[in-house]
Amino acid sequence: MIVICEECGKKYDIDAARIKGPEARAKCKACGHIITITRKENRPPAPSPPLRAREAPLRARVHEDLAQAPEEEQKEEAPEKKRAKVAGAPKKGLGLRPKIFLLFFFIPIALMIAAGYFYLWALQDLSSLITKESSRVVTQLGEQIIAEKARSVADQARLYLLGHPNLRRQDFGADQEFQKIAVQKVGLTGYTALYAVPDEHGIWRTWAHTNPKIIAIDMSTLKGPMGRNFEGFWKVFSNAKEGKESRGYYTWQEKDGSFRDKYMVCAPVKGTPYVVAATTYLDEFTRPVKDMEARANQMTVDTRNTVFMIVAATLFLVGVIVILYGQRLTSKIKSLTNVAERISVGDMDAEISLKSKDEIGDLAEAINRMQASIRLSIERLRRRR
């Protein structure tokens, strides 16, 4: 007896003697549909409803002559498992357009921003490191220059005093030659001075200075004019005794009321009770480095603004390109999907008007060929029925 699958139209030649009972059930090897077989010999095969044949996807090939090869028909292997989704089924996960936006817009821009931030951070860190190291080196160099100046003047004063043993300290100011030796320029505004260690009364006195009012006075009386800045000055000034060199920073008040840090080195004049003090503003040495640091910071800010502008322009251009291209691509795919859904329900008159020279065009041609093949198979099946 001939049994026809109501789902896909495939025919099977079944031996009626093998059916036990009034009816039996069998699974179609082509589409998996359960076929109900009643035990009635010489029962003509029921034709498949045309609508059912149009509604289900036709995946089985129609054999030329089922009557001549029934055994081969029964041994035919089932096709691959179906993976096509039912038309109109809800989509799972992200669509193609969000994926395009995520992969080609969000992730690249995020990586670009991260790379730009790292670049700016490294640039700023490098600039800060260079300026700090430069400032430290220049500061050490300035301190060394001031110290060398104090030692040099101390050696010159020692030689002059050894050559003039009768020169008294009260006459240091009148001796122009000694005055040139004891008072020399340090840096741009600094100077050297010569003072004596405490006498029998414990008083510190200066005997060579750029300011004549300080000559021979008790240096501790400067506490009043200097105020709270006197402590730092006095610590460095009075620590140079017993042949020991003293150095350090102290704050000095300018005429305009501002305060600036000075660095002073006090070098003893060997073999004498005198000490040479060399002092100046250390920022005179570090000012070029500070200017360079300011320029470096400004360049960093300008570079950061430029990078931000480039990132913003790139963000805008990439966003526009991704949106337009993604919309165009998804519209093509949606058009092909609609045609495929119409074919799946039996609408063989659906036309594909899409013209493209890429993989989407290849897909459209494949659907056209599939549509023609299905139409031909349906016509052949109708003629046999």
Protein backbone atom coordinates (compact mmCIF):
# COMPACT_ATOMS: atom_id res chain seq x y z
CA MET A 1 0.00 0.00 0.00
CA ILE A 2 1.15 3.57 -0.77
CA VAL A 3 1.31 5.99 2.16
CA ILE A 4 1.84 9.71 1.61
CA CYS A 5 3.21 12.05 4.29
CA GLU A 6 0.64 14.79 4.80
CA GLU A 7 3.35 17.28 5.80
CA CYS A 8 5.89 17.08 2.98
CA GLY A 9 4.18 14.81 0.40
CA LYS A 10 6.79 12.06 0.46
CA LYS A 11 5.48 8.62 -0.61
CA TYR A 12 6.25 5.26 0.98
CA ASP A 13 5.37 1.71 -0.18
CA ILE A 14 4.31 -0.14 3.00
CA ASP A 15 3.54 -3.82 3.32
CA ALA A 16 -0.01 -3.98 4.80
CA ALA A 17 0.68 -7.40 6.33
CA ARG A 18 3.18 -5.85 8.69
CA ILE A 19 0.54 -3.58 10.28
CA LYS A 20 -0.88 -5.15 13.43
CA GLY A 21 -4.14 -3.78 14.63
CA PRO A 22 -6.55 -1.37 12.97
CA GLU A 23 -3.92 1.34 12.62
CA ALA A 24 -0.20 2.08 13.12
CA ARG A 25 2.02 5.13 13.30
CA ALA A 26 5.31 5.79 11.55
CA LYS A 27 7.73 8.71 11.43
CA CYS A 28 8.49 10.37 8.10
CA LYS A 29 12.21 10.15 7.38
CA ALA A 30 12.16 13.36 5.40
CA CYS A 31 10.43 15.82 7.74
CA GLY A 32 9.84 13.87 10.97
CA HIS A 33 6.04 14.09 10.74
CA ILE A 34 4.09 11.26 12.44
CA ILE A 35 1.99 9.41 9.81
CA THR A 36 -1.11 7.49 10.90
CA ILE A 37 -1.62 4.31 8.78
CA THR A 38 -4.96 2.47 8.80
CA ARG A 39 -5.09 -1.19 7.84
CA LYS A 40 -7.20 -1.08 4.72
CA GLU A 41 -5.88 -2.81 1.71
CA ASN A 42 -6.19 -1.23 -1.70
CA ARG A 43 -6.99 2.09 -0.06
CA PRO A 44 -6.19 4.86 -2.52
CA PRO A 45 -3.66 7.33 -1.21
CA ALA A 46 -5.17 10.49 0.10
CA PRO A 47 -3.86 13.50 -1.75
CA SER A 48 -2.09 16.09 0.31
CA PRO A 49 -4.01 19.30 0.72
CA PRO A 50 -2.48 21.92 -1.50
CA LEU A 51 -2.58 24.49 1.29
CA ARG A 52 -0.63 22.26 3.66
CA ALA A 53 1.97 21.71 0.97
CA ARG A 54 2.25 25.49 0.48
CA GLU A 55 2.52 26.26 4.18
CA ALA A 56 5.43 23.93 5.07
CA PRO A 57 8.95 24.25 3.63
CA LEU A 58 9.51 21.76 0.84
CA ARG A 59 12.85 20.16 1.51
CA ALA A 60 12.36 16.61 0.03
CA ARG A 61 13.21 15.88 -3.54
CA VAL A 62 10.44 14.33 -5.66
CA HIS A 63 11.49 11.03 -7.18
CA GLU A 64 10.78 10.37 -10.83
CA ASP A 65 9.16 7.01 -10.33
CA LEU A 66 8.20 5.87 -6.84
CA ALA A 67 6.34 2.81 -8.12
CA GLN A 68 9.43 1.29 -9.75
CA ALA A 69 11.76 1.74 -6.76
CA PRO A 70 9.77 1.36 -3.55
CA GLU A 71 12.53 -0.38 -1.61
CA GLU A 72 15.08 2.31 -2.47
CA GLU A 73 12.52 4.90 -1.35
CA GLN A 74 12.29 3.24 2.07
CA LYS A 75 16.08 3.07 2.47
CA GLU A 76 16.60 6.73 1.67
CA GLU A 77 18.44 8.58 4.45
CA ALA A 78 16.76 11.47 6.23
CA PRO A 79 18.10 14.97 5.37
CA GLU A 80 20.00 17.18 7.81
CA LYS A 81 18.26 18.36 10.89
CA LYS A 82 16.16 21.40 10.36
CA ARG A 83 17.57 24.63 11.72
CA ALA A 84 15.32 27.19 10.07
CA LYS A 85 13.15 29.12 12.49
CA VAL A 86 9.45 29.50 12.01
CA ALA A 87 8.52 32.76 10.29
CA GLY A 88 7.45 35.38 12.77
CA ALA A 89 9.23 33.74 15.74
CA PRO A 90 10.64 36.28 18.21
CA LYS A 91 14.34 37.08 17.85
CA LYS A 92 16.73 36.20 20.64
CA GLY A 93 19.71 38.28 21.69
CA LEU A 94 20.98 41.46 20.07
CA GLY A 95 20.08 42.37 16.54
CA LEU A 96 22.58 43.02 13.78
CA ARG A 97 22.41 46.79 14.07
CA PRO A 98 23.23 46.90 17.82
CA LYS A 99 26.06 44.43 17.22
CA ILE A 100 27.49 46.60 14.45
CA PHE A 101 27.24 49.65 16.71
CA LEU A 102 28.89 47.79 19.58
CA LEU A 103 31.71 46.16 17.60
CA PHE A 104 32.56 48.93 15.16
CA PHE A 105 31.71 52.04 17.18
CA PHE A 106 31.59 51.64 20.93
CA ILE A 107 34.54 49.28 21.42
CA PRO A 108 36.98 51.08 19.03
CA ILE A 109 36.07 54.47 20.48
CA ALA A 110 36.47 53.15 24.03
CA LEU A 111 39.90 51.74 23.13
CA MET A 112 40.85 55.00 21.43
CA ILE A 113 39.83 57.04 24.46
CA ALA A 114 41.75 54.69 26.77
CA ALA A 115 44.84 54.91 24.55
CA GLY A 116 44.58 58.71 24.37
CA TYR A 117 44.19 58.97 28.13
CA PHE A 118 47.20 56.70 28.68
CA TYR A 119 49.23 58.74 26.18
CA LEU A 120 48.34 62.03 27.88
CA TRP A 121 49.02 60.57 31.32
CA ALA A 122 52.41 59.26 30.19
CA LEU A 123 53.24 62.57 28.51
CA GLN A 124 52.33 64.59 31.59
CA ASP A 125 54.18 62.19 33.87
CA LEU A 126 57.27 62.36 31.66
CA SER A 127 57.12 66.14 31.51
CA SER A 128 56.75 66.38 35.29
CA LEU A 129 59.59 63.94 35.83
CA ILE A 130 61.93 65.81 33.50
CA THR A 131 61.18 69.22 35.03
CA LYS A 132 61.46 67.92 38.59
CA GLU A 133 64.75 66.20 37.90
CA SER A 134 66.02 69.28 36.06
CA SER A 135 64.99 71.51 38.96
CA ARG A 136 66.68 69.19 41.45
CA VAL A 137 69.90 69.05 39.42
CA VAL A 138 69.95 72.81 38.90
CA THR A 139 69.28 73.38 42.62
CA GLN A 140 72.18 71.15 43.56
CA LEU A 141 74.34 72.91 41.00
CA GLY A 142 73.36 76.33 42.40
CA GLU A 143 74.14 75.21 45.94
CA GLN A 144 77.50 73.92 44.76
CA ILE A 145 78.27 77.19 42.96
CA ILE A 146 77.47 79.22 46.08
CA ALA A 147 79.61 76.90 48.23
CA GLU A 148 82.53 77.11 45.80
CA LYS A 149 82.21 80.89 45.79
CA ALA A 150 82.40 81.04 49.60
CA ARG A 151 85.46 78.78 49.69
CA SER A 152 87.16 80.71 46.91
CA VAL A 153 86.65 84.08 48.64
CA ALA A 154 87.78 82.57 51.95
CA ASP A 155 91.02 81.37 50.35
CA GLN A 156 91.61 84.79 48.71
CA ALA A 157 90.98 86.60 52.01
CA ARG A 158 93.34 84.22 53.84
CA LEU A 159 96.15 84.93 51.35
CA TYR A 160 95.59 88.67 51.57
CA LEU A 161 95.57 88.66 55.39
CA LEU A 162 98.74 86.57 55.46
CA GLY A 163 100.36 89.13 53.17
CA HIS A 164 99.15 92.02 55.34
CA PRO A 165 99.64 90.89 58.96
CA ASN A 166 99.29 94.44 60.31
CA LEU A 167 95.84 95.01 58.74
CA ARG A 168 93.30 95.44 61.54
CA ARG A 169 89.65 94.50 61.20
CA GLN A 170 88.59 98.10 61.87
CA ASP A 171 90.48 99.05 58.68
CA PHE A 172 88.93 96.40 56.42
CA GLY A 173 86.41 98.89 55.04
CA ALA A 174 89.11 101.46 54.24
CA ASP A 175 91.25 98.92 52.37
CA GLN A 176 89.71 98.93 48.91
CA GLU A 177 91.75 95.95 47.75
CA PHE A 178 90.59 93.81 50.64
CA GLN A 179 87.05 95.10 50.18
CA LYS A 180 87.04 93.84 46.57
CA ILE A 181 88.23 90.45 47.77
CA ALA A 182 85.82 90.06 50.69
CA VAL A 183 82.72 91.41 48.96
CA GLN A 184 82.06 89.76 45.59
CA LYS A 185 78.97 89.14 43.48
CA VAL A 186 77.14 85.83 43.71
CA GLY A 187 74.62 85.01 41.00
CA LEU A 188 72.52 87.97 39.91
CA THR A 189 71.78 89.73 43.20
CA GLY A 190 73.79 87.79 45.79
CA TYR A 191 77.05 88.78 47.46
CA THR A 192 79.73 87.62 49.86
CA ALA A 193 80.51 89.11 53.28
CA LEU A 194 83.15 88.60 55.95
CA TYR A 195 82.41 88.38 59.66
CA ALA A 196 84.27 87.31 62.78
CA VAL A 197 83.46 84.56 65.27
CA PRO A 198 82.36 85.76 68.74
CA ASP A 199 84.92 87.82 70.65
CA GLU A 200 85.53 87.74 74.39
CA HIS A 201 82.08 89.25 74.89
CA GLY A 202 80.37 86.60 72.75
CA ILE A 203 79.30 89.06 70.05
CA TRP A 204 79.19 88.24 66.35
CA ARG A 205 80.29 91.18 64.17
CA THR A 206 80.48 91.71 60.41
CA TRP A 207 83.55 93.52 59.00
CA ALA A 208 82.97 93.48 55.24
CA HIS A 209 79.50 93.83 53.71
CA THR A 210 77.66 95.55 50.87
CA ASN A 211 75.63 97.48 53.46
CA PRO A 212 77.90 99.81 55.48
CA LYS A 213 75.28 100.02 58.26
CA ILE A 214 75.94 96.41 59.22
CA ILE A 215 79.70 96.86 59.67
CA ALA A 216 80.89 96.22 63.29
CA ILE A 217 77.37 95.94 64.77
CA ASP A 218 76.15 93.14 66.99
CA MET A 219 74.52 90.80 64.45
CA SER A 220 72.02 89.54 67.04
CA THR A 221 70.37 92.95 66.92
CA LEU A 222 69.00 92.04 63.48
CA LYS A 223 66.39 89.95 65.21
CA GLY A 224 64.09 92.96 65.43
CA PRO A 225 64.15 93.97 61.75
CA MET A 226 64.09 90.39 60.46
CA GLY A 227 61.36 89.21 62.83
CA ARG A 228 60.46 85.55 62.60
CA ASN A 229 62.88 85.07 59.69
CA PHE A 230 65.84 85.75 61.94
CA GLU A 231 65.89 82.26 63.45
CA GLY A 232 66.68 80.53 60.15
CA PHE A 233 69.33 83.11 59.27
CA TRP A 234 70.99 82.93 62.69
CA LYS A 235 71.12 79.14 62.66
CA VAL A 236 73.22 79.12 59.48
CA PHE A 237 75.22 82.25 60.41
CA SER A 238 76.29 81.14 63.90
CA ASN A 239 76.97 77.49 63.11
CA ALA A 240 80.26 78.29 61.29
CA LYS A 241 82.79 78.01 64.06
CA GLU A 242 85.79 75.90 65.00
CA GLY A 243 86.67 75.58 61.31
CA LYS A 244 83.34 73.98 60.38
CA GLU A 245 81.44 74.99 57.27
CA SER A 246 77.77 75.89 57.59
CA ARG A 247 75.02 76.02 54.95
CA GLY A 248 71.25 76.24 54.72
CA TYR A 249 68.14 78.17 53.66
CA TYR A 250 66.47 81.14 55.28
CA THR A 251 63.66 83.53 54.32
CA TRP A 252 64.33 87.12 53.41
CA GLN A 253 61.76 89.91 53.17
CA GLU A 254 61.95 92.16 50.14
CA LYS A 255 61.30 95.89 50.09
CA ASP A 256 57.88 95.30 48.57
CA GLY A 257 56.95 93.07 51.52
CA SER A 258 57.27 89.75 49.64
CA PHE A 259 59.31 86.84 50.98
CA ARG A 260 61.88 84.81 49.08
CA ASP A 261 64.15 81.95 50.10
CA LYS A 262 67.87 82.52 50.20
CA TYR A 263 70.68 79.98 50.38
CA MET A 264 73.81 80.77 52.35
CA VAL A 265 77.14 78.99 52.75
CA CYS A 266 79.56 80.10 55.47
CA ALA A 267 83.17 78.98 54.86
CA PRO A 268 85.82 79.62 57.58
CA VAL A 269 88.99 81.49 56.62
CA LYS A 270 91.60 78.98 57.73
CA GLY A 271 94.09 80.21 60.33
CA THR A 272 91.94 83.28 61.15
CA PRO A 273 88.90 84.06 63.29
CA TYR A 274 86.97 85.12 60.21
CA VAL A 275 84.24 83.49 58.14
CA VAL A 276 83.15 84.26 54.57
CA ALA A 277 79.38 84.05 53.92
CA ALA A 278 78.09 83.67 50.34
CA THR A 279 74.33 84.12 49.90
CA THR A 280 71.82 84.65 47.10
CA TYR A 281 68.34 83.72 45.96
CA LEU A 282 68.47 80.18 44.66
CA ASP A 283 65.55 80.77 42.31
CA GLU A 284 67.95 82.83 40.21
CA PHE A 285 69.46 79.51 39.20
CA THR A 286 66.21 77.56 38.97
CA ARG A 287 64.11 80.24 37.25
CA PRO A 288 64.95 78.96 33.71
CA VAL A 289 63.90 75.48 34.80
CA LYS A 290 60.65 76.86 36.24
CA ASP A 291 59.99 78.66 32.97
CA MET A 292 60.65 75.42 31.09
CA GLU A 293 58.27 73.60 33.43
CA ALA A 294 55.55 76.18 32.75
CA ARG A 295 56.06 75.82 28.99
CA ALA A 296 55.99 72.03 29.29
CA ASN A 297 52.72 72.17 31.23
CA GLN A 298 51.22 74.48 28.63
CA MET A 299 52.33 72.16 25.84
CA THR A 300 50.76 69.25 27.72
CA VAL A 301 47.47 71.14 28.00
CA ASP A 302 47.55 72.07 24.30
CA THR A 303 48.32 68.46 23.34
CA ARG A 304 45.49 67.21 25.53
CA ASN A 305 43.02 69.62 23.94
CA THR A 306 44.19 68.60 20.47
CA VAL A 307 43.79 64.91 21.29
CA PHE A 308 40.31 65.55 22.66
CA MET A 309 39.35 67.39 19.48
CA ILE A 310 40.68 64.55 17.32
CA VAL A 311 38.83 61.96 19.40
CA ALA A 312 35.61 63.99 19.20
CA ALA A 313 35.91 64.37 15.42
CA THR A 314 36.71 60.68 15.05
CA LEU A 315 33.78 59.80 17.27
CA PHE A 316 31.42 61.85 15.10
CA LEU A 317 32.72 60.52 11.77
CA VAL A 318 32.83 56.88 12.86
CA GLY A 319 29.37 57.20 14.40
CA VAL A 320 27.88 58.61 11.20
CA ILE A 321 29.59 55.97 9.03
CA VAL A 322 28.57 53.07 11.28
CA ILE A 323 24.96 54.27 11.55
CA LEU A 324 24.54 54.81 7.81
CA TYR A 325 26.31 51.61 6.79
CA GLY A 326 24.58 49.56 9.48
CA GLN A 327 21.18 50.90 8.45
CA ARG A 328 21.87 50.14 4.80
CA LEU A 329 23.13 46.63 5.56
CA THR A 330 20.28 45.72 7.90
CA SER A 331 17.69 47.05 5.45
CA LYS A 332 19.07 44.74 2.76
CA ILE A 333 19.04 41.76 5.12
CA LYS A 334 15.52 42.63 6.29
CA SER A 335 14.35 42.80 2.67
CA LEU A 336 15.79 39.34 1.94
CA THR A 337 14.27 38.02 5.18
CA ASN A 338 10.83 39.23 4.16
CA VAL A 339 11.15 37.54 0.76
CA ALA A 340 12.32 34.30 2.39
CA GLU A 341 9.37 34.36 4.80
CA ARG A 342 6.94 34.86 1.91
CA ILE A 343 8.50 31.91 0.07
CA SER A 344 8.31 29.77 3.21
CA VAL A 345 4.51 30.14 3.31
CA GLY A 346 4.12 29.33 -0.36
CA ASP A 347 4.16 32.76 -1.98
CA MET A 348 6.20 31.95 -5.05
CA ASP A 349 5.48 35.29 -6.70
CA ALA A 350 7.73 37.22 -4.31
CA GLU A 351 10.38 39.16 -6.20
CA ILE A 352 13.84 40.26 -5.06
CA SER A 353 14.68 43.67 -6.42
CA LEU A 354 17.95 43.94 -4.46
CA LYS A 355 21.04 44.63 -6.58
CA SER A 356 24.36 44.31 -4.82
CA LYS A 357 27.82 43.14 -5.86
CA ASP A 358 28.90 41.86 -2.45
CA GLU A 359 27.96 38.83 -0.35
CA ILE A 360 24.43 40.22 0.11
CA GLY A 361 24.01 40.09 -3.67
CA ASP A 362 25.22 36.48 -3.67
CA LEU A 363 22.61 35.67 -1.02
CA ALA A 364 19.87 37.31 -3.07
CA GLU A 365 20.84 35.26 -6.13
CA ALA A 366 20.84 32.08 -4.03
CA ILE A 367 17.31 32.84 -2.78
CA ASN A 368 16.21 33.45 -6.37
CA ARG A 369 17.59 30.07 -7.41
CA MET A 370 15.96 28.41 -4.41
CA GLN A 371 12.63 30.04 -5.30
CA ALA A 372 12.84 28.78 -8.87
CA SER A 373 13.77 25.29 -7.69
CA ILE A 374 10.87 25.14 -5.22
CA ARG A 375 8.43 26.42 -7.86
CA LEU A 376 9.59 23.72 -10.28
CA SER A 377 9.32 21.01 -7.60
CA ILE A 378 5.77 22.08 -6.73
CA GLU A 379 4.73 21.98 -10.38
CA ARG A 380 6.18 18.51 -10.81
CA LEU A 381 4.48 17.32 -7.64
CA ARG A 382 1.12 18.69 -8.79
CA ARG A 383 1.44 16.89 -12.11
CA ARG A 384 2.09 13.56 -10.35
CA ARG A 385 -0.88 14.02 -8.02
